[in-house]
Amino acid sequence: MSDDNFFNKSINDESDTGFITSLVAAGDLSPGPNYIAGTGVANFIAKLPPATVGAGTKVAVTVASTTKTVTLTPAGTDQINSGGAGVGVVAAIRNYTFVSDGVANWIYTA
């Protein structure tokens, strides 16, 4: 399955992973597909697992909130796109795919 189809198929067909993590408030993201509704009363942070989870591990995220600010952050001193330890990405409404380098960095495409 291509990277472009990985998330769309997984979010609609749970048989690929067996589960979909769904957040409506602050919480931790899991490897595989994640859906963020963001319907709670406050803006919130969703944290990626440690990049040491394994090189090539994917975390796919759909942000569907139109009213809340959702910040996607790395764990601890990990980085996103080598942007600095702990620096997060303020998420717009769209799909994101994060891929671990296996050490301390998540590379994302939106």
Protein backbone atom coordinates (compact mmCIF):
# COMPACT_ATOMS: atom_id res chain seq x y z
CA MET A 1 0.00 0.00 0.00
CA SER A 2 1.44 3.40 -0.92
CA ASP A 3 2.03 6.05 1.74
CA ASP A 4 -0.78 8.15 0.23
CA ASN A 5 -3.26 5.32 0.64
CA PHE A 6 -1.96 4.05 4.01
CA PHE A 7 -3.84 6.58 6.07
CA ASN A 8 -7.02 6.88 4.04
CA LYS A 9 -7.53 3.12 3.89
CA SER A 10 -6.62 2.61 7.54
CA ILE A 11 -8.87 5.35 8.87
CA ASN A 12 -11.82 3.88 6.97
CA ASP A 13 -10.99 0.18 7.32
CA GLU A 14 -9.90 -0.77 10.82
CA SER A 15 -8.89 -4.24 9.63
CA ASP A 16 -5.47 -2.87 8.62
CA THR A 17 -4.43 -2.19 12.22
CA GLY A 18 -7.22 -3.49 14.41
CA PHE A 19 -7.83 -0.12 16.08
CA ILE A 20 -7.95 3.60 15.55
CA THR A 21 -6.91 5.95 18.36
CA SER A 22 -9.46 8.75 18.68
CA LEU A 23 -8.78 11.85 20.77
CA VAL A 24 -11.25 14.52 21.82
CA ALA A 25 -8.89 16.10 24.38
CA ALA A 26 -5.19 16.04 25.26
CA GLY A 27 -3.56 12.65 24.96
CA ASP A 28 -0.91 10.40 23.51
CA LEU A 29 -0.87 9.31 19.88
CA SER A 30 -0.25 5.66 18.96
CA PRO A 31 1.56 4.08 16.02
CA GLY A 32 -0.97 3.58 13.22
CA PRO A 33 -3.98 5.77 12.46
CA ASN A 34 -5.17 8.46 14.87
CA TYR A 35 -8.22 10.71 14.60
CA ILE A 36 -8.44 14.01 16.49
CA ALA A 37 -11.93 15.44 16.77
CA GLY A 38 -10.95 18.21 19.17
CA THR A 39 -14.49 18.74 20.43
CA GLY A 40 -13.48 19.42 24.03
CA VAL A 41 -13.74 22.82 25.68
CA ALA A 42 -10.07 23.76 25.41
CA ASN A 43 -7.15 23.74 22.98
CA PHE A 44 -4.93 20.74 23.51
CA ILE A 45 -1.68 18.89 22.84
CA ALA A 46 -1.38 15.43 21.30
CA LYS A 47 2.01 13.79 21.90
CA LEU A 48 3.83 11.42 19.54
CA PRO A 49 5.35 8.26 21.02
CA PRO A 50 9.14 8.22 21.51
CA ALA A 51 10.94 8.06 18.14
CA THR A 52 12.82 5.03 19.48
CA VAL A 53 9.62 3.04 18.85
CA GLY A 54 11.42 1.87 15.70
CA ALA A 55 12.81 3.25 12.45
CA GLY A 56 10.11 3.52 9.82
CA THR A 57 7.23 3.38 12.31
CA LYS A 58 4.33 5.50 11.04
CA VAL A 59 1.89 7.57 13.02
CA ALA A 60 -0.94 8.84 10.82
CA VAL A 61 -3.07 11.67 12.20
CA THR A 62 -6.25 13.27 10.92
CA VAL A 63 -7.06 16.58 12.57
CA ALA A 64 -10.76 17.36 12.19
CA SER A 65 -11.17 20.15 14.73
CA THR A 66 -12.43 23.44 13.34
CA THR A 67 -12.71 25.25 16.66
CA LYS A 68 -9.73 24.16 18.78
CA THR A 69 -5.99 24.57 18.36
CA VAL A 70 -4.32 21.17 18.27
CA THR A 71 -0.55 21.01 18.77
CA LEU A 72 1.24 17.81 17.79
CA THR A 73 4.40 17.43 19.89
CA PRO A 74 7.30 14.98 20.08
CA ALA A 75 8.02 13.05 23.27
CA GLY A 76 10.70 14.42 25.59
CA THR A 77 13.68 15.76 23.63
CA ASP A 78 12.64 14.16 20.33
CA GLN A 79 12.25 16.45 17.33
CA ILE A 80 9.86 16.87 14.41
CA ASN A 81 11.66 17.50 11.12
CA SER A 82 14.80 18.36 13.13
CA GLY A 83 13.01 21.49 14.36
CA GLY A 84 14.42 21.49 17.87
CA ALA A 85 13.89 19.37 20.96
CA GLY A 86 10.27 19.28 22.03
CA VAL A 87 9.05 21.79 19.39
CA GLY A 88 5.54 20.95 18.24
CA VAL A 89 3.51 21.53 15.10
CA VAL A 90 0.27 23.51 15.32
CA ALA A 91 -2.07 21.35 13.29
CA ALA A 92 -4.49 22.59 10.68
CA ILE A 93 -7.43 20.53 9.51
CA ARG A 94 -5.77 17.85 7.39
CA ASN A 95 -3.94 14.53 7.41
CA TYR A 96 -0.39 14.16 8.70
CA THR A 97 1.95 11.19 8.44
CA PHE A 98 4.90 11.02 10.83
CA VAL A 99 7.71 8.51 10.24
CA SER A 100 10.28 7.74 12.94
CA ASP A 101 14.00 7.65 12.23
CA GLY A 102 14.31 5.20 15.13
CA VAL A 103 16.48 7.54 17.19
CA ALA A 104 15.07 10.97 18.10
CA ASN A 105 13.34 12.51 15.06
CA TRP A 106 9.92 12.29 13.43
CA ILE A 107 9.68 13.32 9.78
CA TYR A 108 6.25 14.50 8.74
CA THR A 109 4.39 15.29 5.59
CA ALA A 110 1.03 16.96 5.49
